[in-house]
Amino acid sequence: MRTIFFMAAFAILVPEGVAAGQVGIASRYCHHDSASGRKMTCRSKVAAHRTIPFGTRIKVRNLANGRSVIVTIVDRGPFVKGRIIDLSEGAANAIGSSDLMRVELTRR
């Protein structure tokens, strides 16, 4: 019984991950400063996520066309309800999107 309680508590306390694939809405953005302190350009292949540690590389796949890109998490966000990741313009262009898109995230 204690094992079940521990496992349930652990599942609640562990930050959101992408090991099994997270699916949701991505948006695009362009900022030159990031929460991690890393300077970026709009053409960089980087992203913002609420909980994934800075420096983590994530594969982002556009579910509409199957195209994917590898991004590095350098910022925090998105801060719009219902979105799971903000992609730099360079990353969004690489997977063929000009606006919001449905994506799958997997750890690289």
PDB file of N, CA and C in Angstrom:
ATOM      1  N   MET A   1       0.821  -1.187   0.000  1.00  0.00           N
ATOM      2  CA  MET A   1       0.000   0.000   0.000  1.00  0.00           C
ATOM      3  C   MET A   1       0.868   1.255   0.000  1.00  0.00           C
ATOM      4  N   ARG A   2       1.959   1.224   0.784  1.00  0.00           N
ATOM      5  CA  ARG A   2       2.849   2.381   0.811  1.00  0.00           C
ATOM      6  C   ARG A   2       3.491   2.596  -0.544  1.00  0.00           C
ATOM      7  N   THR A   3       3.778   1.515  -1.264  1.00  0.00           N
ATOM      8  CA  THR A   3       4.378   1.629  -2.593  1.00  0.00           C
ATOM      9  C   THR A   3       3.444   2.362  -3.544  1.00  0.00           C
ATOM     10  N   ILE A   4       2.179   2.027  -3.514  1.00  0.00           N
ATOM     11  CA  ILE A   4       1.201   2.689  -4.383  1.00  0.00           C
ATOM     12  C   ILE A   4       1.110   4.166  -4.034  1.00  0.00           C
ATOM     13  N   PHE A   5       1.080   4.484  -2.732  1.00  0.00           N
ATOM     14  CA  PHE A   5       1.023   5.881  -2.309  1.00  0.00           C
ATOM     15  C   PHE A   5       2.254   6.635  -2.790  1.00  0.00           C
ATOM     16  N   PHE A   6       3.436   6.046  -2.621  1.00  0.00           N
ATOM     17  CA  PHE A   6       4.673   6.691  -3.052  1.00  0.00           C
ATOM     18  C   PHE A   6       4.662   6.944  -4.555  1.00  0.00           C
ATOM     19  N   MET A   7       4.234   5.949  -5.328  1.00  0.00           N
ATOM     20  CA  MET A   7       4.207   6.104  -6.784  1.00  0.00           C
ATOM     21  C   MET A   7       3.233   7.204  -7.194  1.00  0.00           C
ATOM     22  N   ALA A   8       2.089   7.290  -6.541  1.00  0.00           N
ATOM     23  CA  ALA A   8       1.112   8.335  -6.857  1.00  0.00           C
ATOM     24  C   ALA A   8       1.668   9.707  -6.501  1.00  0.00           C
ATOM     25  N   ALA A   9       2.306   9.823  -5.344  1.00  0.00           N
ATOM     26  CA  ALA A   9       2.895  11.100  -4.939  1.00  0.00           C
ATOM     27  C   ALA A   9       4.015  11.500  -5.886  1.00  0.00           C
ATOM     28  N   PHE A  10       4.831  10.554  -6.286  1.00  0.00           N
ATOM     29  CA  PHE A  10       5.930  10.826  -7.211  1.00  0.00           C
ATOM     30  C   PHE A  10       5.394  11.331  -8.546  1.00  0.00           C
ATOM     31  N   ALA A  11       4.347  10.714  -9.052  1.00  0.00           N
ATOM     32  CA  ALA A  11       3.761  11.118 -10.335  1.00  0.00           C
ATOM     33  C   ALA A  11       3.235  12.540 -10.279  1.00  0.00           C
ATOM     34  N   ILE A  12       2.720  12.950  -9.142  1.00  0.00           N
ATOM     35  CA  ILE A  12       2.198  14.309  -8.998  1.00  0.00           C
ATOM     36  C   ILE A  12       3.330  15.319  -8.916  1.00  0.00           C
ATOM     37  N   LEU A  13       4.426  14.967  -8.259  1.00  0.00           N
ATOM     38  CA  LEU A  13       5.506  15.917  -8.016  1.00  0.00           C
ATOM     39  C   LEU A  13       6.506  16.038  -9.150  1.00  0.00           C
ATOM     40  N   VAL A  14       6.603  15.058 -10.009  1.00  0.00           N
ATOM     41  CA  VAL A  14       7.574  15.089 -11.101  1.00  0.00           C
ATOM     42  C   VAL A  14       7.108  16.079 -12.155  1.00  0.00           C
ATOM     43  N   PRO A  15       8.005  16.986 -12.624  1.00  0.00           N
ATOM     44  CA  PRO A  15       7.606  17.945 -13.639  1.00  0.00           C
ATOM     45  C   PRO A  15       7.160  17.258 -14.924  1.00  0.00           C
ATOM     46  N   GLU A  16       6.353  17.971 -15.665  1.00  0.00           N
ATOM     47  CA  GLU A  16       5.839  17.472 -16.943  1.00  0.00           C
ATOM     48  C   GLU A  16       7.009  17.079 -17.834  1.00  0.00           C
ATOM     49  N   GLY A  17       6.959  15.905 -18.432  1.00  0.00           N
ATOM     50  CA  GLY A  17       8.021  15.451 -19.300  1.00  0.00           C
ATOM     51  C   GLY A  17       7.509  15.137 -20.676  1.00  0.00           C
ATOM     52  N   VAL A  18       8.420  14.731 -21.526  1.00  0.00           N
ATOM     53  CA  VAL A  18       8.029  14.421 -22.894  1.00  0.00           C
ATOM     54  C   VAL A  18       8.547  13.061 -23.322  1.00  0.00           C
ATOM     55  N   ALA A  19       8.886  12.214 -22.363  1.00  0.00           N
ATOM     56  CA  ALA A  19       9.466  10.923 -22.709  1.00  0.00           C
ATOM     57  C   ALA A  19       8.523  10.076 -23.563  1.00  0.00           C
ATOM     58  N   ALA A  20       7.242  10.102 -23.265  1.00  0.00           N
ATOM     59  CA  ALA A  20       6.296   9.262 -23.998  1.00  0.00           C
ATOM     60  C   ALA A  20       5.625  10.008 -25.139  1.00  0.00           C
ATOM     61  N   GLY A  21       5.924  11.277 -25.306  1.00  0.00           N
ATOM     62  CA  GLY A  21       5.317  12.072 -26.369  1.00  0.00           C
ATOM     63  C   GLY A  21       4.173  12.913 -25.839  1.00  0.00           C
ATOM     64  N   GLN A  22       4.326  14.196 -25.935  1.00  0.00           N
ATOM     65  CA  GLN A  22       3.303  15.140 -25.500  1.00  0.00           C
ATOM     66  C   GLN A  22       2.696  15.748 -26.758  1.00  0.00           C
ATOM     67  N   VAL A  23       1.387  15.790 -26.855  1.00  0.00           N
ATOM     68  CA  VAL A  23       0.707  16.316 -28.039  1.00  0.00           C
ATOM     69  C   VAL A  23      -0.105  17.536 -27.639  1.00  0.00           C
ATOM     70  N   GLY A  24      -0.032  18.576 -28.465  1.00  0.00           N
ATOM     71  CA  GLY A  24      -0.797  19.787 -28.184  1.00  0.00           C
ATOM     72  C   GLY A  24      -0.531  20.861 -29.219  1.00  0.00           C
ATOM     73  N   ILE A  25      -0.892  22.083 -28.869  1.00  0.00           N
ATOM     74  CA  ILE A  25      -0.779  23.216 -29.780  1.00  0.00           C
ATOM     75  C   ILE A  25       0.535  23.956 -29.546  1.00  0.00           C
ATOM     76  N   ALA A  26       1.215  24.263 -30.649  1.00  0.00           N
ATOM     77  CA  ALA A  26       2.437  25.068 -30.621  1.00  0.00           C
ATOM     78  C   ALA A  26       2.158  26.396 -31.300  1.00  0.00           C
ATOM     79  N   SER A  27       2.854  27.413 -30.857  1.00  0.00           N
ATOM     80  CA  SER A  27       2.775  28.720 -31.500  1.00  0.00           C
ATOM     81  C   SER A  27       4.189  29.159 -31.840  1.00  0.00           C
ATOM     82  N   ARG A  28       4.297  30.239 -32.586  1.00  0.00           N
ATOM     83  CA  ARG A  28       5.618  30.756 -32.950  1.00  0.00           C
ATOM     84  C   ARG A  28       5.831  32.093 -32.277  1.00  0.00           C
ATOM     85  N   TYR A  29       7.086  32.396 -32.020  1.00  0.00           N
ATOM     86  CA  TYR A  29       7.412  33.679 -31.408  1.00  0.00           C
ATOM     87  C   TYR A  29       8.823  34.079 -31.790  1.00  0.00           C
ATOM     88  N   CYS A  30       9.148  35.339 -31.515  1.00  0.00           N
ATOM     89  CA  CYS A  30      10.494  35.836 -31.783  1.00  0.00           C
ATOM     90  C   CYS A  30      10.875  36.828 -30.697  1.00  0.00           C
ATOM     91  N   HIS A  31      11.754  36.405 -29.807  1.00  0.00           N
ATOM     92  CA  HIS A  31      12.318  37.272 -28.770  1.00  0.00           C
ATOM     93  C   HIS A  31      13.827  37.166 -28.883  1.00  0.00           C
ATOM     94  N   HIS A  32      14.518  38.218 -28.532  1.00  0.00           N
ATOM     95  CA  HIS A  32      15.978  38.171 -28.608  1.00  0.00           C
ATOM     96  C   HIS A  32      16.607  37.828 -27.260  1.00  0.00           C
ATOM     97  N   ASP A  33      15.858  37.986 -26.192  1.00  0.00           N
ATOM     98  CA  ASP A  33      16.326  37.592 -24.865  1.00  0.00           C
ATOM     99  C   ASP A  33      15.513  36.389 -24.415  1.00  0.00           C
ATOM    100  N   SER A  34      16.138  35.535 -23.620  1.00  0.00           N
ATOM    101  CA  SER A  34      15.431  34.348 -23.141  1.00  0.00           C
ATOM    102  C   SER A  34      15.591  34.233 -21.633  1.00  0.00           C
ATOM    103  N   ALA A  35      14.737  33.457 -21.015  1.00  0.00           N
ATOM    104  CA  ALA A  35      14.783  33.256 -19.570  1.00  0.00           C
ATOM    105  C   ALA A  35      16.079  32.577 -19.130  1.00  0.00           C
ATOM    106  N   SER A  36      16.704  31.830 -20.036  1.00  0.00           N
ATOM    107  CA  SER A  36      17.953  31.143 -19.702  1.00  0.00           C
ATOM    108  C   SER A  36      19.158  32.065 -19.819  1.00  0.00           C
ATOM    109  N   GLY A  37      18.953  33.273 -20.376  1.00  0.00           N
ATOM    110  CA  GLY A  37      20.059  34.199 -20.584  1.00  0.00           C
ATOM    111  C   GLY A  37      20.699  34.072 -21.947  1.00  0.00           C
ATOM    112  N   ARG A  38      20.293  33.081 -22.700  1.00  0.00           N
ATOM    113  CA  ARG A  38      20.864  32.872 -24.032  1.00  0.00           C
ATOM    114  C   ARG A  38      20.257  33.860 -25.021  1.00  0.00           C
ATOM    115  N   LYS A  39      21.109  34.552 -25.762  1.00  0.00           N
ATOM    116  CA  LYS A  39      20.646  35.435 -26.828  1.00  0.00           C
ATOM    117  C   LYS A  39      20.242  34.571 -28.005  1.00  0.00           C
ATOM    118  N   MET A  40      19.203  34.986 -28.705  1.00  0.00           N
ATOM    119  CA  MET A  40      18.741  34.204 -29.843  1.00  0.00           C
ATOM    120  C   MET A  40      18.290  35.128 -30.955  1.00  0.00           C
ATOM    121  N   THR A  41      18.261  34.577 -32.146  1.00  0.00           N
ATOM    122  CA  THR A  41      17.694  35.293 -33.279  1.00  0.00           C
ATOM    123  C   THR A  41      16.402  34.584 -33.662  1.00  0.00           C
ATOM    124  N   CYS A  42      15.612  35.239 -34.485  1.00  0.00           N
ATOM    125  CA  CYS A  42      14.352  34.623 -34.912  1.00  0.00           C
ATOM    126  C   CYS A  42      14.597  33.378 -35.750  1.00  0.00           C
ATOM    127  N   ARG A  43      15.780  33.267 -36.342  1.00  0.00           N
ATOM    128  CA  ARG A  43      16.094  32.095 -37.176  1.00  0.00           C
ATOM    129  C   ARG A  43      16.634  30.918 -36.369  1.00  0.00           C
ATOM    130  N   SER A  44      16.937  31.137 -35.095  1.00  0.00           N
ATOM    131  CA  SER A  44      17.426  30.050 -34.241  1.00  0.00           C
ATOM    132  C   SER A  44      16.384  28.941 -34.155  1.00  0.00           C
ATOM    133  N   LYS A  45      16.843  27.736 -33.960  1.00  0.00           N
ATOM    134  CA  LYS A  45      15.920  26.607 -33.765  1.00  0.00           C
ATOM    135  C   LYS A  45      15.845  26.314 -32.267  1.00  0.00           C
ATOM    136  N   VAL A  46      15.085  27.171 -31.589  1.00  0.00           N
ATOM    137  CA  VAL A  46      14.935  27.089 -30.141  1.00  0.00           C
ATOM    138  C   VAL A  46      13.454  27.169 -29.790  1.00  0.00           C
ATOM    139  N   ALA A  47      13.152  26.937 -28.505  1.00  0.00           N
ATOM    140  CA  ALA A  47      11.752  26.937 -28.082  1.00  0.00           C
ATOM    141  C   ALA A  47      11.627  27.319 -26.617  1.00  0.00           C
ATOM    142  N   ALA A  48      10.383  27.610 -26.241  1.00  0.00           N
ATOM    143  CA  ALA A  48      10.034  27.892 -24.847  1.00  0.00           C
ATOM    144  C   ALA A  48       9.051  26.831 -24.370  1.00  0.00           C
ATOM    145  N   HIS A  49       9.288  26.319 -23.164  1.00  0.00           N
ATOM    146  CA  HIS A  49       8.395  25.339 -22.550  1.00  0.00           C
ATOM    147  C   HIS A  49       8.301  25.678 -21.070  1.00  0.00           C
ATOM    148  N   ARG A  50       7.176  25.379 -20.458  1.00  0.00           N
ATOM    149  CA  ARG A  50       6.969  25.746 -19.054  1.00  0.00           C
ATOM    150  C   ARG A  50       7.865  24.993 -18.077  1.00  0.00           C
ATOM    151  N   THR A  51       8.142  23.717 -18.331  1.00  0.00           N
ATOM    152  CA  THR A  51       8.827  22.906 -17.316  1.00  0.00           C
ATOM    153  C   THR A  51      10.064  22.153 -17.788  1.00  0.00           C
ATOM    154  N   ILE A  52      10.231  21.941 -19.062  1.00  0.00           N
ATOM    155  CA  ILE A  52      11.397  21.183 -19.538  1.00  0.00           C
ATOM    156  C   ILE A  52      12.655  21.992 -19.243  1.00  0.00           C
ATOM    157  N   PRO A  53      13.694  21.381 -18.668  1.00  0.00           N
ATOM    158  CA  PRO A  53      14.909  22.114 -18.301  1.00  0.00           C
ATOM    159  C   PRO A  53      15.589  22.789 -19.501  1.00  0.00           C
ATOM    160  N   PHE A  54      16.185  23.957 -19.225  1.00  0.00           N
ATOM    161  CA  PHE A  54      16.948  24.661 -20.254  1.00  0.00           C
ATOM    162  C   PHE A  54      18.049  23.754 -20.788  1.00  0.00           C
ATOM    163  N   GLY A  55      18.304  23.849 -22.083  1.00  0.00           N
ATOM    164  CA  GLY A  55      19.350  23.057 -22.712  1.00  0.00           C
ATOM    165  C   GLY A  55      18.878  21.706 -23.224  1.00  0.00           C
ATOM    166  N   THR A  56      17.680  21.283 -22.847  1.00  0.00           N
ATOM    167  CA  THR A  56      17.143  20.002 -23.310  1.00  0.00           C
ATOM    168  C   THR A  56      16.792  20.097 -24.786  1.00  0.00           C
ATOM    169  N   ARG A  57      17.164  19.074 -25.533  1.00  0.00           N
ATOM    170  CA  ARG A  57      16.829  19.030 -26.960  1.00  0.00           C
ATOM    171  C   ARG A  57      15.565  18.199 -27.137  1.00  0.00           C
ATOM    172  N   ILE A  58      14.625  18.754 -27.882  1.00  0.00           N
ATOM    173  CA  ILE A  58      13.311  18.149 -28.080  1.00  0.00           C
ATOM    174  C   ILE A  58      13.031  18.038 -29.572  1.00  0.00           C
ATOM    175  N   LYS A  59      12.464  16.906 -29.972  1.00  0.00           N
ATOM    176  CA  LYS A  59      12.003  16.758 -31.354  1.00  0.00           C
ATOM    177  C   LYS A  59      10.546  17.211 -31.402  1.00  0.00           C
ATOM    178  N   VAL A  60      10.262  18.140 -32.311  1.00  0.00           N
ATOM    179  CA  VAL A  60       8.905  18.658 -32.491  1.00  0.00           C
ATOM    180  C   VAL A  60       8.427  18.221 -33.869  1.00  0.00           C
ATOM    181  N   ARG A  61       7.307  17.484 -33.905  1.00  0.00           N
ATOM    182  CA  ARG A  61       6.766  17.000 -35.180  1.00  0.00           C
ATOM    183  C   ARG A  61       5.411  17.646 -35.436  1.00  0.00           C
ATOM    184  N   ASN A  62       5.286  18.276 -36.604  1.00  0.00           N
ATOM    185  CA  ASN A  62       4.027  18.871 -37.038  1.00  0.00           C
ATOM    186  C   ASN A  62       3.105  17.726 -37.454  1.00  0.00           C
ATOM    187  N   LEU A  63       1.995  17.558 -36.768  1.00  0.00           N
ATOM    188  CA  LEU A  63       1.106  16.429 -37.047  1.00  0.00           C
ATOM    189  C   LEU A  63       0.331  16.596 -38.350  1.00  0.00           C
ATOM    190  N   ALA A  64       0.264  17.812 -38.879  1.00  0.00           N
ATOM    191  CA  ALA A  64      -0.462  18.041 -40.132  1.00  0.00           C
ATOM    192  C   ALA A  64       0.316  17.565 -41.349  1.00  0.00           C
ATOM    193  N   ASN A  65       1.664  17.664 -41.287  1.00  0.00           N
ATOM    194  CA  ASN A  65       2.450  17.299 -42.473  1.00  0.00           C
ATOM    195  C   ASN A  65       3.577  16.307 -42.185  1.00  0.00           C
ATOM    196  N   GLY A  66       3.786  15.937 -40.931  1.00  0.00           N
ATOM    197  CA  GLY A  66       4.807  14.960 -40.579  1.00  0.00           C
ATOM    198  C   GLY A  66       6.224  15.503 -40.489  1.00  0.00           C
ATOM    199  N   ARG A  67       6.434  16.773 -40.817  1.00  0.00           N
ATOM    200  CA  ARG A  67       7.783  17.348 -40.756  1.00  0.00           C
ATOM    201  C   ARG A  67       8.192  17.575 -39.308  1.00  0.00           C
ATOM    202  N   SER A  68       9.501  17.445 -39.041  1.00  0.00           N
ATOM    203  CA  SER A  68       9.978  17.617 -37.671  1.00  0.00           C
ATOM    204  C   SER A  68      11.243  18.461 -37.634  1.00  0.00           C
ATOM    205  N   VAL A  69      11.535  18.968 -36.442  1.00  0.00           N
ATOM    206  CA  VAL A  69      12.723  19.781 -36.205  1.00  0.00           C
ATOM    207  C   VAL A  69      13.191  19.495 -34.777  1.00  0.00           C
ATOM    208  N   ILE A  70      14.497  19.580 -34.576  1.00  0.00           N
ATOM    209  CA  ILE A  70      15.067  19.454 -33.235  1.00  0.00           C
ATOM    210  C   ILE A  70      15.286  20.866 -32.707  1.00  0.00           C
ATOM    211  N   VAL A  71      14.753  21.149 -31.515  1.00  0.00           N
ATOM    212  CA  VAL A  71      14.921  22.463 -30.901  1.00  0.00           C
ATOM    213  C   VAL A  71      15.570  22.307 -29.534  1.00  0.00           C
ATOM    214  N   THR A  72      16.181  23.381 -29.069  1.00  0.00           N
ATOM    215  CA  THR A  72      16.747  23.439 -27.727  1.00  0.00           C
ATOM    216  C   THR A  72      15.864  24.351 -26.887  1.00  0.00           C
ATOM    217  N   ILE A  73      15.513  23.904 -25.691  1.00  0.00           N
ATOM    218  CA  ILE A  73      14.685  24.720 -24.800  1.00  0.00           C
ATOM    219  C   ILE A  73      15.569  25.795 -24.166  1.00  0.00           C
ATOM    220  N   VAL A  74      15.230  27.076 -24.428  1.00  0.00           N
ATOM    221  CA  VAL A  74      16.016  28.195 -23.909  1.00  0.00           C
ATOM    222  C   VAL A  74      15.163  29.233 -23.190  1.00  0.00           C
ATOM    223  N   ASP A  75      13.855  29.027 -23.158  1.00  0.00           N
ATOM    224  CA  ASP A  75      12.971  30.060 -22.625  1.00  0.00           C
ATOM    225  C   ASP A  75      11.787  29.411 -21.915  1.00  0.00           C
ATOM    226  N   ARG A  76      11.016  30.204 -21.200  1.00  0.00           N
ATOM    227  CA  ARG A  76       9.812  29.738 -20.513  1.00  0.00           C
ATOM    228  C   ARG A  76       8.573  30.244 -21.242  1.00  0.00           C
ATOM    229  N   GLY A  77       7.556  29.440 -21.248  1.00  0.00           N
ATOM    230  CA  GLY A  77       6.295  29.757 -21.920  1.00  0.00           C
ATOM    231  C   GLY A  77       5.781  28.466 -22.507  1.00  0.00           C
ATOM    232  N   PRO A  78       4.752  28.476 -23.247  1.00  0.00           N
ATOM    233  CA  PRO A  78       3.912  29.634 -23.574  1.00  0.00           C
ATOM    234  C   PRO A  78       3.011  29.990 -22.397  1.00  0.00           C
ATOM    235  N   PHE A  79       2.553  31.215 -22.399  1.00  0.00           N
ATOM    236  CA  PHE A  79       1.697  31.693 -21.320  1.00  0.00           C
ATOM    237  C   PHE A  79       0.260  31.889 -21.792  1.00  0.00           C
ATOM    238  N   VAL A  80      -0.103  31.169 -22.840  1.00  0.00           N
ATOM    239  CA  VAL A  80      -1.470  31.171 -23.361  1.00  0.00           C
ATOM    240  C   VAL A  80      -2.064  29.794 -23.081  1.00  0.00           C
ATOM    241  N   LYS A  81      -3.208  29.763 -22.424  1.00  0.00           N
ATOM    242  CA  LYS A  81      -3.846  28.498 -22.060  1.00  0.00           C
ATOM    243  C   LYS A  81      -4.076  27.635 -23.300  1.00  0.00           C
ATOM    244  N   GLY A  82      -3.765  26.346 -23.172  1.00  0.00           N
ATOM    245  CA  GLY A  82      -3.999  25.400 -24.256  1.00  0.00           C
ATOM    246  C   GLY A  82      -2.791  25.152 -25.146  1.00  0.00           C
ATOM    247  N   ARG A  83      -1.745  25.932 -24.996  1.00  0.00           N
ATOM    248  CA  ARG A  83      -0.536  25.735 -25.808  1.00  0.00           C
ATOM    249  C   ARG A  83       0.527  25.034 -24.980  1.00  0.00           C
ATOM    250  N   ILE A  84       1.319  24.165 -25.642  1.00  0.00           N
ATOM    251  CA  ILE A  84       2.328  23.400 -24.901  1.00  0.00           C
ATOM    252  C   ILE A  84       3.748  23.868 -25.171  1.00  0.00           C
ATOM    253  N   ILE A  85       3.985  24.581 -26.275  1.00  0.00           N
ATOM    254  CA  ILE A  85       5.338  25.016 -26.617  1.00  0.00           C
ATOM    255  C   ILE A  85       5.265  26.233 -27.533  1.00  0.00           C
ATOM    256  N   ASP A  86       6.236  27.135 -27.380  1.00  0.00           N
ATOM    257  CA  ASP A  86       6.428  28.256 -28.300  1.00  0.00           C
ATOM    258  C   ASP A  86       7.678  27.954 -29.109  1.00  0.00           C
ATOM    259  N   LEU A  87       7.569  28.000 -30.424  1.00  0.00           N
ATOM    260  CA  LEU A  87       8.709  27.744 -31.306  1.00  0.00           C
ATOM    261  C   LEU A  87       9.229  29.050 -31.876  1.00  0.00           C
ATOM    262  N   SER A  88      10.548  29.156 -31.997  1.00  0.00           N
ATOM    263  CA  SER A  88      11.116  30.308 -32.687  1.00  0.00           C
ATOM    264  C   SER A  88      10.644  30.284 -34.135  1.00  0.00           C
ATOM    265  N   GLU A  89      10.724  31.427 -34.797  1.00  0.00           N
ATOM    266  CA  GLU A  89      10.299  31.479 -36.198  1.00  0.00           C
ATOM    267  C   GLU A  89      11.081  30.489 -37.051  1.00  0.00           C
ATOM    268  N   GLY A  90      12.382  30.344 -36.780  1.00  0.00           N
ATOM    269  CA  GLY A  90      13.200  29.402 -37.546  1.00  0.00           C
ATOM    270  C   GLY A  90      12.726  27.967 -37.396  1.00  0.00           C
ATOM    271  N   ALA A  91      12.369  27.588 -36.175  1.00  0.00           N
ATOM    272  CA  ALA A  91      11.878  26.226 -35.934  1.00  0.00           C
ATOM    273  C   ALA A  91      10.504  26.021 -36.562  1.00  0.00           C
ATOM    274  N   ALA A  92       9.626  27.010 -36.425  1.00  0.00           N
ATOM    275  CA  ALA A  92       8.284  26.898 -37.012  1.00  0.00           C
ATOM    276  C   ALA A  92       8.365  26.810 -38.533  1.00  0.00           C
ATOM    277  N   ASN A  93       9.232  27.610 -39.141  1.00  0.00           N
ATOM    278  CA  ASN A  93       9.398  27.555 -40.600  1.00  0.00           C
ATOM    279  C   ASN A  93       9.909  26.189 -41.041  1.00  0.00           C
ATOM    280  N   ALA A  94      10.796  25.591 -40.239  1.00  0.00           N
ATOM    281  CA  ALA A  94      11.382  24.295 -40.600  1.00  0.00           C
ATOM    282  C   ALA A  94      10.331  23.184 -40.677  1.00  0.00           C
ATOM    283  N   ILE A  95       9.251  23.313 -39.915  1.00  0.00           N
ATOM    284  CA  ILE A  95       8.215  22.280 -39.966  1.00  0.00           C
ATOM    285  C   ILE A  95       6.979  22.746 -40.735  1.00  0.00           C
ATOM    286  N   GLY A  96       7.139  23.844 -41.462  1.00  0.00           N
ATOM    287  CA  GLY A  96       6.089  24.264 -42.387  1.00  0.00           C
ATOM    288  C   GLY A  96       4.878  24.900 -41.761  1.00  0.00           C
ATOM    289  N   SER A  97       5.092  25.783 -40.796  1.00  0.00           N
ATOM    290  CA  SER A  97       3.948  26.432 -40.178  1.00  0.00           C
ATOM    291  C   SER A  97       4.121  27.935 -40.140  1.00  0.00           C
ATOM    292  N   SER A  98       3.029  28.641 -40.366  1.00  0.00           N
ATOM    293  CA  SER A  98       3.068  30.089 -40.282  1.00  0.00           C
ATOM    294  C   SER A  98       2.280  30.609 -39.080  1.00  0.00           C
ATOM    295  N   ASP A  99       1.599  29.726 -38.358  1.00  0.00           N
ATOM    296  CA  ASP A  99       0.794  30.161 -37.221  1.00  0.00           C
ATOM    297  C   ASP A  99       0.723  29.038 -36.188  1.00  0.00           C
ATOM    298  N   LEU A 100      -0.436  28.783 -35.627  1.00  0.00           N
ATOM    299  CA  LEU A 100      -0.616  27.704 -34.653  1.00  0.00           C
ATOM    300  C   LEU A 100      -0.613  26.358 -35.356  1.00  0.00           C
ATOM    301  N   MET A 101      -0.087  25.345 -34.672  1.00  0.00           N
ATOM    302  CA  MET A 101      -0.043  24.008 -35.264  1.00  0.00           C
ATOM    303  C   MET A 101      -0.175  22.963 -34.170  1.00  0.00           C
ATOM    304  N   ARG A 102      -0.675  21.803 -34.521  1.00  0.00           N
ATOM    305  CA  ARG A 102      -0.758  20.668 -33.596  1.00  0.00           C
ATOM    306  C   ARG A 102       0.533  19.878 -33.753  1.00  0.00           C
ATOM    307  N   VAL A 103       1.221  19.655 -32.632  1.00  0.00           N
ATOM    308  CA  VAL A 103       2.536  19.019 -32.668  1.00  0.00           C
ATOM    309  C   VAL A 103       2.628  17.897 -31.643  1.00  0.00           C
ATOM    310  N   GLU A 104       3.656  17.060 -31.848  1.00  0.00           N
ATOM    311  CA  GLU A 104       4.027  16.036 -30.872  1.00  0.00           C
ATOM    312  C   GLU A 104       5.455  16.325 -30.448  1.00  0.00           C
ATOM    313  N   LEU A 105       5.705  16.306 -29.137  1.00  0.00           N
ATOM    314  CA  LEU A 105       7.041  16.525 -28.590  1.00  0.00           C
ATOM    315  C   LEU A 105       7.599  15.207 -28.085  1.00  0.00           C
ATOM    316  N   THR A 106       8.859  14.942 -28.402  1.00  0.00           N
ATOM    317  CA  THR A 106       9.550  13.780 -27.843  1.00  0.00           C
ATOM    318  C   THR A 106      10.958  14.197 -27.476  1.00  0.00           C
ATOM    319  N   ARG A 107      11.463  13.601 -26.403  1.00  0.00           N
ATOM    320  CA  ARG A 107      12.824  13.925 -25.963  1.00  0.00           C
ATOM    321  C   ARG A 107      13.810  13.399 -26.983  1.00  0.00           C
ATOM    322  N   ARG A 108      14.785  14.165 -27.314  1.00  0.00           N
ATOM    323  CA  ARG A 108      15.795  13.815 -28.310  1.00  0.00           C
ATOM    324  C   ARG A 108      16.940  13.129 -27.642  1.00  0.00           C
TER     325      ARG A 108
END
